[in-house]
């Protein structure tokens, strides 16, 4: 049975959740959730240019390869992205920029790069393509841009590759 979920903000502090079946059967499921925390409904904000630059820098430093979520570089970048505080905590879900999300972002770059031997994710965001087009043939410029982002957000610097 096909349905769509509609989330309507009723006030600043509450939402109404409805399941709509066949465009006319509406079921209110607002109070049926086990959790009273609506943070699971929060969609993470889009990646900023700086975040994409750091992700592409990791992709390039890893030899244009996809990395698993347990790799040190993925875990460190995830932690750094969470520390940067570019987005309000209320705009972040509990999975904000977690290692899985960082892996998926690198997969977006893999899909754009013919050197990558991984599968990649061809449905990346517009910012991925903008950053890719800017730096795909300019590793030195990417490295400098990534260092500028790290400096601006007081993140540790990486040694030259």
N, C-alpha and C. Protein backbone atom coordinates (compact mmCIF):
# COMPACT_ATOMS: atom_id res chain seq x y z
N UNK A 1 0.85 -1.18 0.00
CA UNK A 1 0.00 0.00 0.00
C UNK A 1 0.88 1.23 0.00
N UNK A 2 0.73 2.08 -0.95
CA UNK A 2 1.53 3.29 -1.06
C UNK A 2 0.97 4.40 -0.18
N UNK A 3 1.86 5.15 0.41
CA UNK A 3 1.45 6.29 1.21
C UNK A 3 2.57 7.31 1.20
N UNK A 4 2.26 8.51 1.65
CA UNK A 4 3.28 9.53 1.83
C UNK A 4 3.10 10.12 3.22
N UNK A 5 4.20 10.54 3.80
CA UNK A 5 4.14 11.13 5.13
C UNK A 5 4.16 12.65 4.97
N UNK A 6 3.27 13.30 5.69
CA UNK A 6 3.21 14.76 5.68
C UNK A 6 3.50 15.23 7.09
N UNK A 7 4.50 16.09 7.22
CA UNK A 7 4.84 16.66 8.52
C UNK A 7 4.51 18.14 8.45
N UNK A 8 3.62 18.57 9.32
CA UNK A 8 3.22 19.97 9.34
C UNK A 8 3.60 20.58 10.69
N UNK A 9 4.22 21.73 10.64
CA UNK A 9 4.57 22.42 11.87
C UNK A 9 3.33 23.15 12.36
N UNK A 10 2.86 22.75 13.55
CA UNK A 10 1.66 23.33 14.13
C UNK A 10 2.00 24.60 14.91
N UNK A 11 3.07 24.54 15.64
CA UNK A 11 3.57 25.69 16.38
C UNK A 11 5.09 25.58 16.39
N UNK A 12 5.73 26.50 17.07
CA UNK A 12 7.18 26.47 17.12
C UNK A 12 7.70 25.24 17.83
N UNK A 13 6.87 24.63 18.68
CA UNK A 13 7.32 23.50 19.48
C UNK A 13 6.67 22.18 19.12
N UNK A 14 5.74 22.15 18.17
CA UNK A 14 5.09 20.89 17.86
C UNK A 14 4.83 20.73 16.37
N UNK A 15 4.77 19.48 15.98
CA UNK A 15 4.47 19.14 14.60
C UNK A 15 3.30 18.15 14.57
N UNK A 16 2.64 18.08 13.44
CA UNK A 16 1.58 17.11 13.22
C UNK A 16 2.06 16.20 12.10
N UNK A 17 1.99 14.90 12.33
CA UNK A 17 2.45 13.92 11.36
C UNK A 17 1.24 13.14 10.86
N UNK A 18 1.10 13.09 9.53
CA UNK A 18 -0.01 12.37 8.92
C UNK A 18 0.53 11.43 7.85
N UNK A 19 -0.11 10.28 7.74
CA UNK A 19 0.15 9.38 6.62
C UNK A 19 -1.02 9.53 5.66
N UNK A 20 -0.74 9.79 4.40
CA UNK A 20 -1.78 9.99 3.41
C UNK A 20 -1.77 8.80 2.45
N UNK A 21 -2.89 8.06 2.44
CA UNK A 21 -3.06 6.92 1.56
C UNK A 21 -3.97 7.32 0.41
N UNK A 22 -3.58 7.03 -0.81
CA UNK A 22 -4.44 7.25 -1.98
C UNK A 22 -4.98 8.67 -2.06
N UNK A 23 -4.28 9.64 -1.55
CA UNK A 23 -4.64 11.06 -1.63
C UNK A 23 -5.91 11.44 -0.88
N UNK A 24 -6.55 10.52 -0.21
CA UNK A 24 -7.76 10.92 0.51
C UNK A 24 -7.90 10.30 1.90
N UNK A 25 -7.29 9.18 2.17
CA UNK A 25 -7.34 8.60 3.50
C UNK A 25 -6.20 9.17 4.32
N UNK A 26 -6.49 9.95 5.34
CA UNK A 26 -5.46 10.58 6.15
C UNK A 26 -5.49 9.97 7.55
N UNK A 27 -4.35 9.51 8.01
CA UNK A 27 -4.23 8.94 9.34
C UNK A 27 -3.26 9.80 10.13
N UNK A 28 -3.74 10.36 11.25
CA UNK A 28 -2.88 11.18 12.10
C UNK A 28 -2.06 10.25 12.98
N UNK A 29 -0.75 10.29 12.86
CA UNK A 29 0.13 9.43 13.65
C UNK A 29 1.02 10.25 14.58
N UNK A 30 0.63 11.47 14.83
CA UNK A 30 1.46 12.38 15.61
C UNK A 30 1.88 11.79 16.94
N UNK A 31 0.97 11.22 17.69
CA UNK A 31 1.27 10.75 19.04
C UNK A 31 1.51 9.25 19.11
N UNK A 32 1.73 8.60 17.98
CA UNK A 32 1.94 7.16 17.97
C UNK A 32 3.40 6.78 18.07
N UNK A 33 4.28 7.74 18.03
CA UNK A 33 5.71 7.47 18.08
C UNK A 33 6.11 7.08 19.49
N UNK A 34 7.01 6.12 19.61
CA UNK A 34 7.52 5.75 20.93
C UNK A 34 8.38 6.85 21.51
N UNK A 35 9.03 7.57 20.64
CA UNK A 35 9.93 8.62 21.08
C UNK A 35 9.24 9.97 20.99
N UNK A 36 9.39 10.75 22.03
CA UNK A 36 8.83 12.09 21.99
C UNK A 36 9.82 13.07 21.35
N UNK A 37 11.02 12.59 21.06
CA UNK A 37 12.05 13.41 20.46
C UNK A 37 11.85 13.45 18.95
N UNK A 38 11.60 14.63 18.40
CA UNK A 38 11.36 14.73 16.96
C UNK A 38 12.66 14.94 16.18
N UNK A 39 13.81 14.79 16.85
CA UNK A 39 15.08 15.00 16.15
C UNK A 39 15.27 13.99 15.03
N UNK A 40 14.58 12.84 15.12
CA UNK A 40 14.72 11.86 14.05
C UNK A 40 14.05 12.36 12.77
N UNK A 41 13.20 13.39 12.87
CA UNK A 41 12.55 13.94 11.68
C UNK A 41 13.38 15.04 11.05
N UNK A 42 14.42 15.48 11.74
CA UNK A 42 15.25 16.57 11.24
C UNK A 42 16.13 16.04 10.11
N UNK A 43 16.11 16.71 9.00
CA UNK A 43 16.97 16.35 7.87
C UNK A 43 18.22 17.22 7.98
N UNK A 44 19.36 16.59 7.81
CA UNK A 44 20.61 17.33 7.94
C UNK A 44 20.72 18.40 6.86
N UNK A 45 21.34 19.53 7.20
CA UNK A 45 21.53 20.59 6.20
C UNK A 45 22.48 20.14 5.10
N UNK A 46 22.37 20.78 3.95
CA UNK A 46 23.26 20.48 2.84
C UNK A 46 24.70 20.80 3.21
N UNK A 47 25.60 20.15 2.50
CA UNK A 47 27.02 20.36 2.74
C UNK A 47 27.43 21.72 2.19
N UNK A 48 28.23 22.42 2.97
CA UNK A 48 28.74 23.72 2.54
C UNK A 48 29.94 23.51 1.61
N UNK A 49 30.38 24.58 1.00
CA UNK A 49 31.55 24.52 0.13
C UNK A 49 32.77 24.05 0.93
N UNK A 50 32.95 24.62 2.11
CA UNK A 50 34.10 24.24 2.95
C UNK A 50 34.07 22.77 3.34
N UNK A 51 32.90 22.26 3.69
CA UNK A 51 32.79 20.85 4.05
C UNK A 51 33.12 19.97 2.83
N UNK A 52 32.63 20.36 1.66
CA UNK A 52 32.92 19.60 0.44
C UNK A 52 34.40 19.64 0.09
N UNK A 53 35.02 20.78 0.32
CA UNK A 53 36.46 20.90 0.07
C UNK A 53 37.23 19.93 0.96
N UNK A 54 36.88 19.86 2.24
CA UNK A 54 37.56 18.93 3.14
C UNK A 54 37.33 17.49 2.71
N UNK A 55 36.12 17.17 2.27
CA UNK A 55 35.83 15.81 1.83
C UNK A 55 36.60 15.47 0.55
N UNK A 56 36.62 16.40 -0.39
CA UNK A 56 37.37 16.15 -1.63
C UNK A 56 38.87 16.03 -1.34
N UNK A 57 39.35 16.82 -0.41
CA UNK A 57 40.76 16.74 -0.04
C UNK A 57 41.08 15.34 0.50
N UNK A 58 40.22 14.79 1.33
CA UNK A 58 40.42 13.43 1.83
C UNK A 58 40.37 12.42 0.68
N UNK A 59 39.44 12.61 -0.23
CA UNK A 59 39.31 11.72 -1.39
C UNK A 59 40.61 11.72 -2.22
N UNK A 60 41.15 12.91 -2.46
CA UNK A 60 42.37 13.02 -3.24
C UNK A 60 43.55 12.44 -2.46
N UNK A 61 43.65 12.76 -1.17
CA UNK A 61 44.75 12.25 -0.35
C UNK A 61 44.71 10.73 -0.21
N UNK A 62 43.51 10.15 -0.36
CA UNK A 62 43.39 8.69 -0.26
C UNK A 62 43.64 8.00 -1.60
N UNK A 63 44.13 8.74 -2.56
CA UNK A 63 44.46 8.16 -3.86
C UNK A 63 43.25 7.97 -4.75
N UNK A 64 42.27 8.84 -4.63
CA UNK A 64 41.05 8.79 -5.43
C UNK A 64 40.31 7.47 -5.25
N UNK A 65 40.31 6.97 -4.04
CA UNK A 65 39.64 5.71 -3.73
C UNK A 65 38.54 5.93 -2.70
N UNK A 66 37.56 5.06 -2.73
CA UNK A 66 36.53 5.09 -1.71
C UNK A 66 37.10 4.47 -0.44
N UNK A 67 36.71 5.02 0.69
CA UNK A 67 37.18 4.50 1.98
C UNK A 67 36.00 3.96 2.77
N UNK A 68 36.26 3.01 3.62
CA UNK A 68 35.22 2.47 4.49
C UNK A 68 35.02 3.36 5.71
N UNK A 69 33.88 3.19 6.36
CA UNK A 69 33.53 4.05 7.49
C UNK A 69 34.44 3.88 8.70
N UNK A 70 35.22 2.80 8.74
CA UNK A 70 36.11 2.56 9.88
C UNK A 70 37.53 3.06 9.64
N UNK A 71 37.80 3.65 8.49
CA UNK A 71 39.13 4.19 8.21
C UNK A 71 39.36 5.45 9.04
N UNK A 72 40.58 5.62 9.51
CA UNK A 72 40.92 6.74 10.38
C UNK A 72 40.58 8.09 9.74
N UNK A 73 40.88 8.28 8.46
CA UNK A 73 40.60 9.54 7.79
C UNK A 73 39.11 9.88 7.81
N UNK A 74 38.27 8.88 7.61
CA UNK A 74 36.81 9.08 7.62
C UNK A 74 36.35 9.48 9.02
N UNK A 75 36.83 8.76 10.00
CA UNK A 75 36.43 9.04 11.39
C UNK A 75 36.89 10.43 11.81
N UNK A 76 38.12 10.79 11.46
CA UNK A 76 38.63 12.11 11.82
C UNK A 76 37.86 13.22 11.11
N UNK A 77 37.58 13.06 9.81
CA UNK A 77 36.84 14.09 9.09
C UNK A 77 35.44 14.23 9.66
N UNK A 78 34.80 13.13 10.00
CA UNK A 78 33.48 13.18 10.62
C UNK A 78 33.52 14.01 11.90
N UNK A 79 34.51 13.74 12.73
CA UNK A 79 34.64 14.48 13.99
C UNK A 79 34.90 15.96 13.73
N UNK A 80 35.74 16.28 12.75
CA UNK A 80 36.04 17.68 12.44
C UNK A 80 34.81 18.41 11.92
N UNK A 81 34.05 17.75 11.05
CA UNK A 81 32.84 18.39 10.50
C UNK A 81 31.83 18.68 11.61
N UNK A 82 31.76 17.80 12.59
CA UNK A 82 30.84 18.01 13.70
C UNK A 82 31.33 19.15 14.60
N UNK A 83 32.65 19.30 14.71
CA UNK A 83 33.23 20.36 15.54
C UNK A 83 33.08 21.75 14.92
N UNK A 84 33.00 21.81 13.60
CA UNK A 84 33.04 23.10 12.91
C UNK A 84 31.86 24.01 13.27
N UNK A 85 30.76 23.47 13.65
CA UNK A 85 29.58 24.23 14.07
C UNK A 85 29.12 25.24 13.02
N UNK A 86 29.11 24.80 11.77
CA UNK A 86 28.59 25.64 10.69
C UNK A 86 27.06 25.65 10.70
N UNK A 87 26.47 24.67 11.33
CA UNK A 87 25.02 24.51 11.35
C UNK A 87 24.54 24.47 12.79
N UNK A 88 23.40 25.07 13.03
CA UNK A 88 22.83 25.08 14.38
C UNK A 88 22.55 23.66 14.85
N UNK A 89 22.75 23.37 16.13
CA UNK A 89 22.46 22.04 16.65
C UNK A 89 21.01 21.61 16.38
N UNK A 90 20.09 22.55 16.39
CA UNK A 90 18.68 22.21 16.14
C UNK A 90 18.44 21.79 14.70
N UNK A 91 19.37 22.11 13.80
CA UNK A 91 19.24 21.74 12.39
C UNK A 91 19.92 20.40 12.08
N UNK A 92 20.51 19.78 13.09
CA UNK A 92 21.27 18.55 12.89
C UNK A 92 20.50 17.35 13.44
N UNK A 93 20.52 16.24 12.71
CA UNK A 93 19.98 15.01 13.27
C UNK A 93 21.08 14.32 14.05
N UNK A 94 20.75 13.24 14.69
CA UNK A 94 21.77 12.51 15.46
C UNK A 94 22.82 11.89 14.54
N UNK A 95 22.54 11.80 13.25
CA UNK A 95 23.49 11.22 12.30
C UNK A 95 24.27 12.29 11.54
N UNK A 96 24.25 13.52 12.02
CA UNK A 96 24.90 14.62 11.33
C UNK A 96 26.37 14.34 11.06
N UNK A 97 26.74 14.34 9.79
CA UNK A 97 28.13 14.18 9.33
C UNK A 97 28.84 13.01 10.01
N UNK A 98 28.09 11.91 10.22
CA UNK A 98 28.69 10.73 10.82
C UNK A 98 29.58 10.03 9.79
N UNK A 99 30.37 9.03 10.18
CA UNK A 99 31.26 8.37 9.22
C UNK A 99 30.53 7.83 7.98
N UNK A 100 29.33 7.31 8.13
CA UNK A 100 28.59 6.83 6.95
C UNK A 100 28.31 7.97 5.98
N UNK A 101 27.94 9.13 6.51
CA UNK A 101 27.68 10.28 5.66
C UNK A 101 28.93 10.76 4.94
N UNK A 102 30.06 10.70 5.63
CA UNK A 102 31.34 11.11 5.01
C UNK A 102 31.70 10.11 3.91
N UNK A 103 31.49 8.82 4.15
CA UNK A 103 31.76 7.81 3.12
C UNK A 103 30.90 8.08 1.89
N UNK A 104 29.64 8.41 2.11
CA UNK A 104 28.75 8.69 0.97
C UNK A 104 29.20 9.93 0.21
N UNK A 105 29.68 10.95 0.93
CA UNK A 105 30.16 12.15 0.25
C UNK A 105 31.38 11.82 -0.62
N UNK A 106 32.29 11.02 -0.11
CA UNK A 106 33.43 10.61 -0.93
C UNK A 106 32.97 9.77 -2.13
N UNK A 107 31.93 8.99 -1.96
CA UNK A 107 31.38 8.21 -3.08
C UNK A 107 30.82 9.14 -4.15
N UNK A 108 30.29 10.29 -3.75
CA UNK A 108 29.83 11.28 -4.73
C UNK A 108 31.00 11.73 -5.60
N UNK A 109 32.15 11.98 -4.97
CA UNK A 109 33.33 12.39 -5.73
C UNK A 109 33.84 11.23 -6.59
N UNK A 110 33.74 10.01 -6.09
CA UNK A 110 34.16 8.84 -6.86
C UNK A 110 33.35 8.74 -8.15
N UNK A 111 32.07 9.04 -8.07
CA UNK A 111 31.23 8.97 -9.27
C UNK A 111 31.63 10.00 -10.31
N UNK A 112 32.25 11.09 -9.86
CA UNK A 112 32.67 12.15 -10.78
C UNK A 112 34.06 11.92 -11.36
N UNK A 113 34.81 10.98 -10.79
CA UNK A 113 36.21 10.79 -11.17
C UNK A 113 36.43 9.46 -11.87
N UNK A 114 36.97 9.50 -13.06
CA UNK A 114 37.23 8.28 -13.83
C UNK A 114 38.36 7.45 -13.22
N UNK A 115 39.19 8.04 -12.36
CA UNK A 115 40.29 7.30 -11.74
C UNK A 115 39.81 6.42 -10.60
N UNK A 116 38.65 6.70 -10.06
CA UNK A 116 38.14 5.95 -8.91
C UNK A 116 37.65 4.58 -9.35
N UNK A 117 38.09 3.55 -8.65
CA UNK A 117 37.72 2.19 -8.99
C UNK A 117 36.47 1.72 -8.24
N UNK A 118 35.93 2.55 -7.39
CA UNK A 118 34.73 2.20 -6.65
C UNK A 118 33.47 2.41 -7.49
N UNK A 119 32.34 2.14 -6.88
CA UNK A 119 31.06 2.26 -7.56
C UNK A 119 30.62 3.71 -7.63
N UNK A 120 30.80 4.43 -6.56
CA UNK A 120 30.39 5.83 -6.52
C UNK A 120 28.89 5.99 -6.37
N UNK A 121 28.49 7.22 -6.09
CA UNK A 121 27.07 7.58 -5.97
C UNK A 121 26.81 8.70 -6.97
N UNK A 122 26.15 8.39 -8.07
CA UNK A 122 25.99 9.39 -9.12
C UNK A 122 25.01 10.51 -8.81
N UNK A 123 24.29 10.44 -7.73
CA UNK A 123 23.28 11.46 -7.42
C UNK A 123 23.77 12.42 -6.35
N UNK A 124 24.99 12.89 -6.48
CA UNK A 124 25.54 13.83 -5.52
C UNK A 124 24.88 15.19 -5.62
N UNK A 125 25.24 16.05 -4.71
CA UNK A 125 24.66 17.38 -4.69
C UNK A 125 25.34 18.34 -5.65
N UNK A 126 24.70 19.47 -5.85
CA UNK A 126 25.24 20.49 -6.74
C UNK A 126 26.58 21.02 -6.24
N UNK A 127 26.71 21.15 -4.91
CA UNK A 127 27.96 21.66 -4.36
C UNK A 127 29.11 20.69 -4.64
N UNK A 128 28.84 19.38 -4.67
CA UNK A 128 29.88 18.40 -4.99
C UNK A 128 30.45 18.69 -6.37
N UNK A 129 29.56 18.92 -7.33
CA UNK A 129 30.00 19.18 -8.70
C UNK A 129 30.73 20.51 -8.82
N UNK A 130 30.27 21.52 -8.09
CA UNK A 130 30.93 22.82 -8.14
C UNK A 130 32.37 22.71 -7.63
N UNK A 131 32.53 22.06 -6.47
CA UNK A 131 33.87 21.89 -5.89
C UNK A 131 34.72 21.00 -6.79
N UNK A 132 34.12 19.93 -7.32
CA UNK A 132 34.86 19.03 -8.20
C UNK A 132 35.37 19.78 -9.43
N UNK A 133 34.48 20.53 -10.06
CA UNK A 133 34.88 21.27 -11.27
C UNK A 133 35.98 22.29 -10.97
N UNK A 134 35.93 22.88 -9.79
CA UNK A 134 36.93 23.88 -9.43
C UNK A 134 38.31 23.27 -9.19
N UNK A 135 38.35 22.07 -8.60
CA UNK A 135 39.63 21.53 -8.14
C UNK A 135 40.06 20.22 -8.79
N UNK A 136 39.28 19.66 -9.71
CA UNK A 136 39.63 18.34 -10.26
C UNK A 136 40.99 18.32 -10.93
N UNK A 137 41.42 19.42 -11.48
CA UNK A 137 42.72 19.49 -12.14
C UNK A 137 43.70 20.40 -11.38
N UNK A 138 43.43 20.61 -10.10
CA UNK A 138 44.25 21.55 -9.33
C UNK A 138 44.41 21.04 -7.89
N UNK A 139 45.19 19.97 -7.73
CA UNK A 139 45.38 19.40 -6.40
C UNK A 139 46.03 20.39 -5.43
N UNK A 140 46.96 21.19 -5.91
CA UNK A 140 47.62 22.18 -5.05
C UNK A 140 46.60 23.21 -4.57
N UNK A 141 45.74 23.67 -5.46
CA UNK A 141 44.70 24.62 -5.08
C UNK A 141 43.72 24.01 -4.09
N UNK A 142 43.39 22.73 -4.27
CA UNK A 142 42.52 22.02 -3.33
C UNK A 142 43.17 21.94 -1.96
N UNK A 143 44.45 21.56 -1.94
CA UNK A 143 45.18 21.44 -0.67
C UNK A 143 45.20 22.79 0.06
N UNK A 144 45.45 23.86 -0.68
CA UNK A 144 45.48 25.20 -0.08
C UNK A 144 44.09 25.61 0.42
N UNK A 145 43.06 25.30 -0.35
CA UNK A 145 41.69 25.64 0.08
C UNK A 145 41.32 24.85 1.33
N UNK A 146 41.70 23.57 1.38
CA UNK A 146 41.40 22.74 2.55
C UNK A 146 42.14 23.26 3.78
N UNK A 147 43.39 23.66 3.59
CA UNK A 147 44.15 24.21 4.72
C UNK A 147 43.52 25.52 5.20
N UNK A 148 43.01 26.32 4.29
CA UNK A 148 42.35 27.57 4.67
C UNK A 148 41.09 27.28 5.49
N UNK A 149 40.33 26.25 5.11
CA UNK A 149 39.14 25.87 5.88
C UNK A 149 39.56 25.38 7.26
N UNK A 150 40.60 24.56 7.31
CA UNK A 150 41.08 24.05 8.61
C UNK A 150 41.55 25.21 9.50
N UNK A 151 42.26 26.15 8.92
CA UNK A 151 42.75 27.30 9.68
C UNK A 151 41.57 28.12 10.22
N UNK A 152 40.60 28.37 9.36
CA UNK A 152 39.44 29.18 9.76
C UNK A 152 38.67 28.54 10.92
N UNK A 153 38.63 27.21 10.95
CA UNK A 153 37.84 26.52 11.98
C UNK A 153 38.71 25.87 13.05
N UNK A 154 40.00 26.24 13.08
CA UNK A 154 40.93 25.77 14.10
C UNK A 154 41.00 24.25 14.16
N UNK A 155 41.06 23.63 12.98
CA UNK A 155 41.19 22.18 12.88
C UNK A 155 42.65 21.83 12.66
N UNK A 156 43.06 20.62 13.04
CA UNK A 156 44.46 20.24 12.85
C UNK A 156 44.83 20.21 11.37
N UNK A 157 46.07 20.54 11.09
CA UNK A 157 46.58 20.52 9.73
C UNK A 157 47.08 19.13 9.40
N UNK A 158 47.02 18.76 8.14
CA UNK A 158 47.51 17.47 7.69
C UNK A 158 48.87 17.66 7.04
N UNK A 159 49.74 16.68 7.18
CA UNK A 159 51.04 16.78 6.49
C UNK A 159 50.84 16.70 4.99
N UNK A 160 51.76 17.26 4.20
CA UNK A 160 51.64 17.14 2.75
C UNK A 160 51.59 15.68 2.32
N UNK A 161 50.80 15.42 1.29
CA UNK A 161 50.65 14.03 0.81
C UNK A 161 51.90 13.59 0.07
